[in-house]
Amino acid sequence: MRPDRTGRAGTATLVMGASAQLLFSSVACADEPAQDDSAARQTTSAAGTEQHEYFGSDQFVGDEVIVSAVVTEVLGKKSFVLDGGEYGDESLLVLSAENADALRKGDVIQVSGIVERFRLADYRDRYGLLDDGAYRSYADEEFLVAQDIWQDVPASWGTTTPPS
């Protein structure tokens, strides 16, 4: 009986085919941003009309979330308040490393960030929170440390995928 020579050729064809598929898959995904799989944080986002109460308890502290809401007040250069009714709290404090100067009351924005518990002393210097009275009502509440902010967001976006 002769040894089957197609075994190696078949394997080579399979490897070449898999390599080609990987190459085309990589090219197809080239426009997508690279994801860091080593990140330990969980990203939480609601789709459609389903909303999570991210800020109603400490359940989501440490998680990355994406919210879409109306700006109800700009407190300072790096802090503002969103209508948080859909997310478990009437008013949602947001602190941002970027200036919030361009935000205005009534703007619909989308924000991604990490849910944290607010303690004024922990954030005062880093975010320039000078008026203690403006932040007193947020003491020991969950709030959002913004990573990205998108302005001029259609109100119908809810908490789906953020714009590119």
N, C-alpha and C. Protein backbone atom coordinates (compact mmCIF):
# COMPACT_ATOMS: atom_id res chain seq x y z
N MET A 1 0.84 -1.17 0.00
CA MET A 1 0.00 0.00 0.00
C MET A 1 0.89 1.24 0.00
N ARG A 2 0.58 2.18 -0.85
CA ARG A 2 1.36 3.41 -0.95
C ARG A 2 0.94 4.40 0.13
N PRO A 3 1.92 5.14 0.69
CA PRO A 3 1.53 6.17 1.66
C PRO A 3 0.74 7.27 0.97
N ASP A 4 -0.18 7.81 1.69
CA ASP A 4 -1.03 8.88 1.14
C ASP A 4 -0.25 10.18 1.13
N ARG A 5 0.04 10.69 -0.07
CA ARG A 5 0.82 11.91 -0.19
C ARG A 5 -0.06 13.16 -0.06
N THR A 6 -1.32 13.01 -0.10
CA THR A 6 -2.18 14.18 0.02
C THR A 6 -2.29 14.66 1.46
N GLY A 7 -1.85 13.86 2.40
CA GLY A 7 -1.92 14.26 3.81
C GLY A 7 -1.17 15.54 4.06
N ARG A 8 0.09 15.60 3.62
CA ARG A 8 0.88 16.82 3.82
C ARG A 8 0.38 17.95 2.96
N ALA A 9 0.08 17.67 1.73
CA ALA A 9 -0.42 18.71 0.84
C ALA A 9 -1.74 19.26 1.38
N GLY A 10 -2.57 18.36 1.86
CA GLY A 10 -3.84 18.79 2.43
C GLY A 10 -3.63 19.67 3.65
N THR A 11 -2.67 19.31 4.48
CA THR A 11 -2.36 20.12 5.66
C THR A 11 -1.82 21.48 5.25
N ALA A 12 -0.92 21.49 4.26
CA ALA A 12 -0.36 22.75 3.78
C ALA A 12 -1.45 23.64 3.21
N THR A 13 -2.37 23.04 2.46
CA THR A 13 -3.48 23.81 1.89
C THR A 13 -4.35 24.38 3.01
N LEU A 14 -4.61 23.57 4.02
CA LEU A 14 -5.42 24.02 5.15
C LEU A 14 -4.74 25.18 5.87
N VAL A 15 -3.44 25.07 6.11
CA VAL A 15 -2.71 26.13 6.79
C VAL A 15 -2.69 27.39 5.94
N MET A 16 -2.45 27.24 4.63
CA MET A 16 -2.44 28.40 3.74
C MET A 16 -3.82 29.05 3.70
N GLY A 17 -4.85 28.22 3.64
CA GLY A 17 -6.22 28.75 3.62
C GLY A 17 -6.54 29.49 4.91
N ALA A 18 -6.14 28.92 6.04
CA ALA A 18 -6.38 29.58 7.32
C ALA A 18 -5.59 30.88 7.41
N SER A 19 -4.36 30.87 6.90
CA SER A 19 -3.54 32.09 6.91
C SER A 19 -4.18 33.17 6.05
N ALA A 20 -4.68 32.79 4.88
CA ALA A 20 -5.34 33.76 4.00
C ALA A 20 -6.58 34.33 4.67
N GLN A 21 -7.35 33.46 5.32
CA GLN A 21 -8.55 33.93 6.01
C GLN A 21 -8.17 34.89 7.14
N LEU A 22 -7.13 34.57 7.88
CA LEU A 22 -6.67 35.44 8.95
C LEU A 22 -6.23 36.79 8.39
N LEU A 23 -5.51 36.76 7.26
CA LEU A 23 -5.06 37.99 6.62
C LEU A 23 -6.25 38.85 6.23
N PHE A 24 -7.26 38.25 5.57
CA PHE A 24 -8.43 39.02 5.15
C PHE A 24 -9.23 39.50 6.36
N SER A 25 -9.31 38.69 7.41
CA SER A 25 -10.01 39.11 8.62
C SER A 25 -9.30 40.29 9.26
N SER A 26 -7.96 40.26 9.26
CA SER A 26 -7.19 41.35 9.85
C SER A 26 -7.38 42.63 9.05
N VAL A 27 -7.38 42.50 7.72
CA VAL A 27 -7.57 43.67 6.87
C VAL A 27 -8.96 44.23 7.07
N ALA A 28 -9.96 43.36 7.18
CA ALA A 28 -11.34 43.82 7.35
C ALA A 28 -11.51 44.56 8.67
N CYS A 29 -10.72 44.21 9.68
CA CYS A 29 -10.85 44.84 10.98
C CYS A 29 -9.87 45.99 11.18
N ALA A 30 -9.12 46.33 10.15
CA ALA A 30 -8.09 47.36 10.29
C ALA A 30 -8.67 48.71 10.67
N ASP A 31 -9.90 48.99 10.27
CA ASP A 31 -10.51 50.28 10.58
C ASP A 31 -11.02 50.34 12.01
N GLU A 32 -11.11 49.18 12.68
CA GLU A 32 -11.61 49.16 14.04
C GLU A 32 -10.46 49.43 15.00
N PRO A 33 -10.71 50.18 16.09
CA PRO A 33 -9.65 50.44 17.05
C PRO A 33 -9.22 49.17 17.76
N ALA A 34 -7.96 49.08 18.09
CA ALA A 34 -7.45 47.92 18.81
C ALA A 34 -8.02 47.92 20.21
N GLN A 35 -8.34 46.73 20.71
CA GLN A 35 -8.87 46.62 22.05
C GLN A 35 -7.82 46.01 22.95
N ASP A 36 -7.76 46.51 24.16
CA ASP A 36 -6.83 45.99 25.13
C ASP A 36 -7.56 44.93 25.95
N ASP A 37 -7.30 43.66 25.63
CA ASP A 37 -7.98 42.57 26.32
C ASP A 37 -7.46 42.38 27.73
N SER A 38 -6.36 43.02 28.08
CA SER A 38 -5.79 42.84 29.40
C SER A 38 -6.49 43.70 30.44
N ALA A 39 -7.35 44.60 30.00
CA ALA A 39 -8.03 45.48 30.95
C ALA A 39 -8.95 44.66 31.85
N ALA A 40 -8.89 44.95 33.13
CA ALA A 40 -9.68 44.20 34.09
C ALA A 40 -11.07 44.78 34.26
N ARG A 41 -11.32 45.96 33.72
CA ARG A 41 -12.60 46.62 33.91
C ARG A 41 -13.66 46.03 33.00
N GLN A 42 -14.86 46.04 33.49
CA GLN A 42 -15.99 45.56 32.72
C GLN A 42 -16.69 46.76 32.11
N THR A 43 -16.99 46.69 30.81
CA THR A 43 -17.74 47.76 30.17
C THR A 43 -19.20 47.37 30.16
N THR A 44 -20.03 48.25 30.64
CA THR A 44 -21.45 47.98 30.74
C THR A 44 -22.20 49.01 29.92
N SER A 45 -23.07 48.55 29.04
CA SER A 45 -23.85 49.46 28.22
C SER A 45 -25.21 48.84 27.98
N ALA A 46 -26.24 49.66 27.99
CA ALA A 46 -27.58 49.18 27.72
C ALA A 46 -27.95 49.52 26.29
N ALA A 47 -28.70 48.66 25.66
CA ALA A 47 -29.12 48.90 24.28
C ALA A 47 -30.61 49.20 24.25
N GLY A 48 -30.99 50.00 23.27
CA GLY A 48 -32.41 50.29 23.08
C GLY A 48 -32.98 51.07 24.24
N THR A 49 -34.17 50.65 24.69
CA THR A 49 -34.84 51.37 25.76
C THR A 49 -34.49 50.82 27.14
N GLU A 50 -33.79 49.69 27.21
CA GLU A 50 -33.41 49.13 28.50
C GLU A 50 -32.35 50.02 29.14
N GLN A 51 -32.56 50.40 30.39
CA GLN A 51 -31.61 51.23 31.10
C GLN A 51 -31.21 50.53 32.39
N HIS A 52 -29.98 50.77 32.81
CA HIS A 52 -29.50 50.22 34.08
C HIS A 52 -29.36 51.35 35.08
N GLU A 53 -29.60 51.03 36.33
CA GLU A 53 -29.45 52.02 37.39
C GLU A 53 -28.01 52.00 37.88
N TYR A 54 -27.10 52.49 37.02
CA TYR A 54 -25.67 52.49 37.32
C TYR A 54 -25.34 53.26 38.59
N PHE A 55 -26.15 54.27 38.91
CA PHE A 55 -25.80 55.19 39.98
C PHE A 55 -26.78 55.13 41.15
N GLY A 56 -27.61 54.10 41.21
CA GLY A 56 -28.57 53.93 42.29
C GLY A 56 -28.03 53.12 43.45
N SER A 57 -26.91 52.44 43.25
CA SER A 57 -26.28 51.64 44.30
C SER A 57 -24.80 51.49 43.94
N ASP A 58 -24.07 50.78 44.78
CA ASP A 58 -22.64 50.60 44.51
C ASP A 58 -22.35 49.38 43.62
N GLN A 59 -23.37 48.79 43.04
CA GLN A 59 -23.23 47.59 42.22
C GLN A 59 -22.27 47.79 41.04
N PHE A 60 -22.23 48.98 40.45
CA PHE A 60 -21.42 49.21 39.25
C PHE A 60 -20.14 49.99 39.53
N VAL A 61 -19.82 50.26 40.80
CA VAL A 61 -18.59 50.99 41.13
C VAL A 61 -17.39 50.23 40.56
N GLY A 62 -16.56 50.95 39.82
CA GLY A 62 -15.38 50.36 39.19
C GLY A 62 -15.62 49.91 37.76
N ASP A 63 -16.88 49.89 37.33
CA ASP A 63 -17.21 49.47 35.96
C ASP A 63 -17.18 50.67 35.01
N GLU A 64 -16.83 50.39 33.76
CA GLU A 64 -16.94 51.41 32.72
C GLU A 64 -18.34 51.34 32.15
N VAL A 65 -19.00 52.48 32.05
CA VAL A 65 -20.35 52.55 31.51
C VAL A 65 -20.42 53.64 30.45
N ILE A 66 -21.47 53.58 29.66
CA ILE A 66 -21.74 54.61 28.66
C ILE A 66 -23.15 55.11 28.90
N VAL A 67 -23.29 56.41 29.07
CA VAL A 67 -24.61 57.00 29.29
C VAL A 67 -24.85 58.12 28.29
N SER A 68 -26.10 58.35 28.00
CA SER A 68 -26.51 59.44 27.13
C SER A 68 -27.59 60.21 27.87
N ALA A 69 -27.38 61.51 28.05
CA ALA A 69 -28.33 62.29 28.84
C ALA A 69 -28.18 63.78 28.54
N VAL A 70 -29.08 64.55 29.12
CA VAL A 70 -29.10 66.00 28.96
C VAL A 70 -28.27 66.65 30.07
N VAL A 71 -27.45 67.62 29.69
CA VAL A 71 -26.69 68.40 30.67
C VAL A 71 -27.68 69.31 31.39
N THR A 72 -27.73 69.20 32.72
CA THR A 72 -28.65 70.05 33.50
C THR A 72 -27.93 71.22 34.16
N GLU A 73 -26.59 71.09 34.32
CA GLU A 73 -25.84 72.17 34.96
C GLU A 73 -24.34 71.97 34.69
N VAL A 74 -23.65 73.06 34.42
CA VAL A 74 -22.19 73.04 34.32
C VAL A 74 -21.67 73.68 35.60
N LEU A 75 -20.98 72.88 36.43
CA LEU A 75 -20.53 73.35 37.74
C LEU A 75 -19.17 74.05 37.69
N GLY A 76 -18.32 73.63 36.78
CA GLY A 76 -16.97 74.19 36.68
C GLY A 76 -16.33 73.76 35.39
N LYS A 77 -15.04 74.06 35.25
CA LYS A 77 -14.34 73.75 34.00
C LYS A 77 -14.24 72.25 33.74
N LYS A 78 -14.26 71.45 34.80
CA LYS A 78 -14.10 70.01 34.63
C LYS A 78 -15.21 69.21 35.30
N SER A 79 -16.33 69.86 35.56
CA SER A 79 -17.43 69.16 36.21
C SER A 79 -18.77 69.67 35.71
N PHE A 80 -19.70 68.72 35.58
CA PHE A 80 -21.05 69.07 35.15
C PHE A 80 -22.01 68.01 35.65
N VAL A 81 -23.29 68.28 35.49
CA VAL A 81 -24.34 67.39 35.98
C VAL A 81 -25.22 66.99 34.81
N LEU A 82 -25.58 65.71 34.77
CA LEU A 82 -26.50 65.18 33.77
C LEU A 82 -27.81 64.80 34.43
N ASP A 83 -28.88 64.77 33.66
CA ASP A 83 -30.15 64.22 34.12
C ASP A 83 -29.94 62.71 34.24
N GLY A 84 -29.84 62.22 35.45
CA GLY A 84 -29.54 60.80 35.67
C GLY A 84 -30.74 59.95 35.97
N GLY A 85 -31.94 60.47 35.75
CA GLY A 85 -33.16 59.73 36.07
C GLY A 85 -33.22 58.33 35.49
N GLU A 86 -32.72 58.15 34.28
CA GLU A 86 -32.75 56.84 33.64
C GLU A 86 -31.68 55.90 34.17
N TYR A 87 -30.78 56.43 35.00
CA TYR A 87 -29.64 55.65 35.45
C TYR A 87 -29.57 55.49 36.97
N GLY A 88 -30.68 55.75 37.67
CA GLY A 88 -30.74 55.45 39.09
C GLY A 88 -30.55 56.62 40.03
N ASP A 89 -30.36 57.83 39.51
CA ASP A 89 -30.21 59.01 40.36
C ASP A 89 -30.73 60.22 39.60
N GLU A 90 -31.39 61.13 40.30
CA GLU A 90 -31.96 62.30 39.63
C GLU A 90 -30.91 63.15 38.94
N SER A 91 -29.80 63.39 39.64
CA SER A 91 -28.73 64.21 39.07
C SER A 91 -27.43 63.42 39.13
N LEU A 92 -26.75 63.37 38.01
CA LEU A 92 -25.53 62.57 37.89
C LEU A 92 -24.33 63.49 37.73
N LEU A 93 -23.46 63.51 38.74
CA LEU A 93 -22.24 64.30 38.68
C LEU A 93 -21.24 63.62 37.76
N VAL A 94 -20.62 64.42 36.88
CA VAL A 94 -19.59 63.91 35.97
C VAL A 94 -18.35 64.79 36.14
N LEU A 95 -17.20 64.15 36.35
CA LEU A 95 -15.92 64.86 36.39
C LEU A 95 -15.14 64.44 35.17
N SER A 96 -14.51 65.42 34.52
CA SER A 96 -13.79 65.16 33.28
C SER A 96 -12.42 65.82 33.32
N ALA A 97 -11.39 65.10 32.86
CA ALA A 97 -10.05 65.67 32.77
C ALA A 97 -10.02 66.77 31.71
N GLU A 98 -10.92 66.66 30.73
CA GLU A 98 -11.02 67.68 29.68
C GLU A 98 -11.94 68.80 30.17
N ASN A 99 -11.69 69.98 29.67
CA ASN A 99 -12.55 71.10 30.04
C ASN A 99 -13.97 70.89 29.54
N ALA A 100 -14.92 71.27 30.37
CA ALA A 100 -16.33 71.16 30.01
C ALA A 100 -16.87 72.51 29.55
N ASP A 101 -15.96 73.43 29.21
CA ASP A 101 -16.37 74.79 28.81
C ASP A 101 -17.35 74.81 27.65
N ALA A 102 -17.22 73.88 26.73
CA ALA A 102 -18.07 73.88 25.54
C ALA A 102 -19.48 73.36 25.82
N LEU A 103 -19.68 72.73 26.97
CA LEU A 103 -21.00 72.18 27.31
C LEU A 103 -21.92 73.29 27.79
N ARG A 104 -23.18 73.14 27.43
CA ARG A 104 -24.21 74.09 27.85
C ARG A 104 -25.41 73.32 28.40
N LYS A 105 -26.12 73.95 29.31
CA LYS A 105 -27.35 73.37 29.84
C LYS A 105 -28.27 73.05 28.67
N GLY A 106 -28.82 71.83 28.65
CA GLY A 106 -29.72 71.41 27.58
C GLY A 106 -29.05 70.58 26.50
N ASP A 107 -27.70 70.57 26.46
CA ASP A 107 -27.00 69.73 25.48
C ASP A 107 -27.27 68.26 25.75
N VAL A 108 -27.48 67.49 24.69
CA VAL A 108 -27.58 66.04 24.82
C VAL A 108 -26.21 65.49 24.47
N ILE A 109 -25.61 64.78 25.43
CA ILE A 109 -24.27 64.25 25.22
C ILE A 109 -24.22 62.77 25.57
N GLN A 110 -23.17 62.13 25.13
CA GLN A 110 -22.91 60.75 25.50
C GLN A 110 -21.55 60.73 26.18
N VAL A 111 -21.47 60.01 27.30
CA VAL A 111 -20.24 59.98 28.09
C VAL A 111 -19.90 58.53 28.42
N SER A 112 -18.63 58.18 28.22
CA SER A 112 -18.15 56.89 28.72
C SER A 112 -17.21 57.19 29.86
N GLY A 113 -17.24 56.36 30.88
CA GLY A 113 -16.37 56.59 32.03
C GLY A 113 -16.53 55.50 33.07
N ILE A 114 -15.86 55.71 34.18
CA ILE A 114 -15.84 54.74 35.27
C ILE A 114 -16.74 55.24 36.41
N VAL A 115 -17.61 54.36 36.89
CA VAL A 115 -18.47 54.67 38.03
C VAL A 115 -17.60 54.63 39.29
N GLU A 116 -17.64 55.70 40.07
CA GLU A 116 -16.88 55.78 41.32
C GLU A 116 -17.78 56.34 42.41
N ARG A 117 -17.33 56.26 43.66
CA ARG A 117 -18.04 56.87 44.78
C ARG A 117 -17.37 58.23 45.05
N PHE A 118 -18.20 59.28 45.18
CA PHE A 118 -17.66 60.64 45.30
C PHE A 118 -17.31 61.01 46.73
N ARG A 119 -16.07 61.42 46.90
CA ARG A 119 -15.58 62.02 48.13
C ARG A 119 -14.81 63.27 47.70
N LEU A 120 -15.30 64.43 48.08
CA LEU A 120 -14.75 65.70 47.62
C LEU A 120 -13.23 65.77 47.81
N ALA A 121 -12.74 65.36 48.96
CA ALA A 121 -11.30 65.44 49.24
C ALA A 121 -10.48 64.64 48.24
N ASP A 122 -11.03 63.56 47.71
CA ASP A 122 -10.30 62.71 46.76
C ASP A 122 -10.18 63.35 45.38
N TYR A 123 -11.08 64.27 45.04
CA TYR A 123 -11.15 64.80 43.68
C TYR A 123 -10.95 66.32 43.59
N ARG A 124 -10.96 67.01 44.73
CA ARG A 124 -10.90 68.48 44.76
C ARG A 124 -9.74 69.04 43.95
N ASP A 125 -8.52 68.63 44.25
CA ASP A 125 -7.34 69.20 43.59
C ASP A 125 -7.23 68.77 42.14
N ARG A 126 -7.45 67.50 41.88
CA ARG A 126 -7.28 66.97 40.52
C ARG A 126 -8.23 67.62 39.52
N TYR A 127 -9.45 67.95 39.96
CA TYR A 127 -10.46 68.50 39.04
C TYR A 127 -10.80 69.96 39.33
N GLY A 128 -10.09 70.59 40.24
CA GLY A 128 -10.33 72.01 40.54
C GLY A 128 -11.71 72.28 41.10
N LEU A 129 -12.16 71.46 42.02
CA LEU A 129 -13.50 71.60 42.62
C LEU A 129 -13.40 72.57 43.79
N LEU A 130 -13.53 73.85 43.49
CA LEU A 130 -13.27 74.89 44.48
C LEU A 130 -14.46 75.22 45.38
N ASP A 131 -15.67 75.11 44.87
CA ASP A 131 -16.86 75.47 45.62
C ASP A 131 -17.42 74.24 46.32
N ASP A 132 -17.02 74.04 47.59
CA ASP A 132 -17.46 72.86 48.33
C ASP A 132 -18.98 72.71 48.34
N GLY A 133 -19.69 73.83 48.44
CA GLY A 133 -21.15 73.80 48.50
C GLY A 133 -21.79 73.20 47.26
N ALA A 134 -21.18 73.40 46.10
CA ALA A 134 -21.74 72.87 44.85
C ALA A 134 -21.66 71.35 44.78
N TYR A 135 -20.76 70.76 45.55
CA TYR A 135 -20.53 69.31 45.46
C TYR A 135 -20.99 68.56 46.71
N ARG A 136 -21.42 69.29 47.74
CA ARG A 136 -21.82 68.67 49.01
C ARG A 136 -22.93 67.63 48.83
N SER A 137 -23.89 67.90 47.97
CA SER A 137 -25.03 66.98 47.81
C SER A 137 -24.63 65.67 47.12
N TYR A 138 -23.42 65.60 46.56
CA TYR A 138 -22.97 64.37 45.89
C TYR A 138 -22.09 63.49 46.78
N ALA A 139 -21.85 63.93 48.02
CA ALA A 139 -20.98 63.19 48.94
C ALA A 139 -21.45 61.75 49.10
N ASP A 140 -20.52 60.83 48.95
CA ASP A 140 -20.75 59.38 49.11
C ASP A 140 -21.75 58.80 48.12
N GLU A 141 -22.03 59.52 47.04
CA GLU A 141 -22.89 58.99 45.98
C GLU A 141 -22.03 58.49 44.82
N GLU A 142 -22.61 57.65 44.00
CA GLU A 142 -21.93 57.20 42.79
C GLU A 142 -21.96 58.34 41.77
N PHE A 143 -20.86 58.47 41.03
CA PHE A 143 -20.76 59.49 39.99
C PHE A 143 -19.91 58.93 38.87
N LEU A 144 -19.69 59.72 37.83
CA LEU A 144 -18.98 59.23 36.65
C LEU A 144 -17.69 60.02 36.43
N VAL A 145 -16.57 59.30 36.35
CA VAL A 145 -15.29 59.89 35.97
C VAL A 145 -15.18 59.68 34.46
N ALA A 146 -15.38 60.75 33.70
CA ALA A 146 -15.48 60.66 32.24
C ALA A 146 -14.14 60.32 31.59
N GLN A 147 -14.22 59.44 30.60
CA GLN A 147 -13.06 59.14 29.75
C GLN A 147 -13.24 59.79 28.39
N ASP A 148 -14.45 59.72 27.85
CA ASP A 148 -14.77 60.32 26.55
C ASP A 148 -16.13 60.99 26.63
N ILE A 149 -16.24 62.12 25.92
CA ILE A 149 -17.50 62.86 25.87
C ILE A 149 -17.78 63.17 24.40
N TRP A 150 -19.00 62.85 23.98
CA TRP A 150 -19.43 63.18 22.61
C TRP A 150 -20.58 64.16 22.70
N GLN A 151 -20.44 65.29 22.03
CA GLN A 151 -21.48 66.32 22.03
C GLN A 151 -22.34 66.19 20.78
N ASP A 152 -23.44 66.93 20.77
CA ASP A 152 -24.36 66.95 19.63
C ASP A 152 -24.83 65.55 19.28
N VAL A 153 -25.18 64.79 20.30
CA VAL A 153 -25.64 63.42 20.13
C VAL A 153 -27.15 63.43 19.97
N PRO A 154 -27.69 62.72 18.97
CA PRO A 154 -29.15 62.64 18.85
C PRO A 154 -29.75 62.04 20.11
N ALA A 155 -30.82 62.60 20.59
CA ALA A 155 -31.46 62.13 21.82
C ALA A 155 -31.87 60.67 21.72
N SER A 156 -32.09 60.16 20.52
CA SER A 156 -32.55 58.78 20.35
C SER A 156 -31.44 57.76 20.49
N TRP A 157 -30.19 58.17 20.69
CA TRP A 157 -29.08 57.23 20.78
C TRP A 157 -29.14 56.35 22.00
N GLY A 158 -29.71 56.83 23.08
CA GLY A 158 -29.74 56.03 24.29
C GLY A 158 -28.33 55.69 24.73
N THR A 159 -28.08 54.42 25.02
CA THR A 159 -26.76 54.02 25.49
C THR A 159 -26.14 52.99 24.57
N THR A 160 -26.32 53.19 23.29
CA THR A 160 -25.73 52.26 22.33
C THR A 160 -24.29 52.65 22.05
N THR A 161 -23.73 52.11 21.00
CA THR A 161 -22.33 52.32 20.66
C THR A 161 -22.02 53.80 20.47
N PRO A 162 -20.93 54.28 21.10
CA PRO A 162 -20.56 55.68 20.94
C PRO A 162 -20.08 55.97 19.53
N PRO A 163 -20.18 57.23 19.10
CA PRO A 163 -19.74 57.59 17.75
C PRO A 163 -18.24 57.46 17.62
N SER A 164 -17.76 57.29 16.38
CA SER A 164 -16.32 57.18 16.16
C SER A 164 -15.70 58.55 16.02
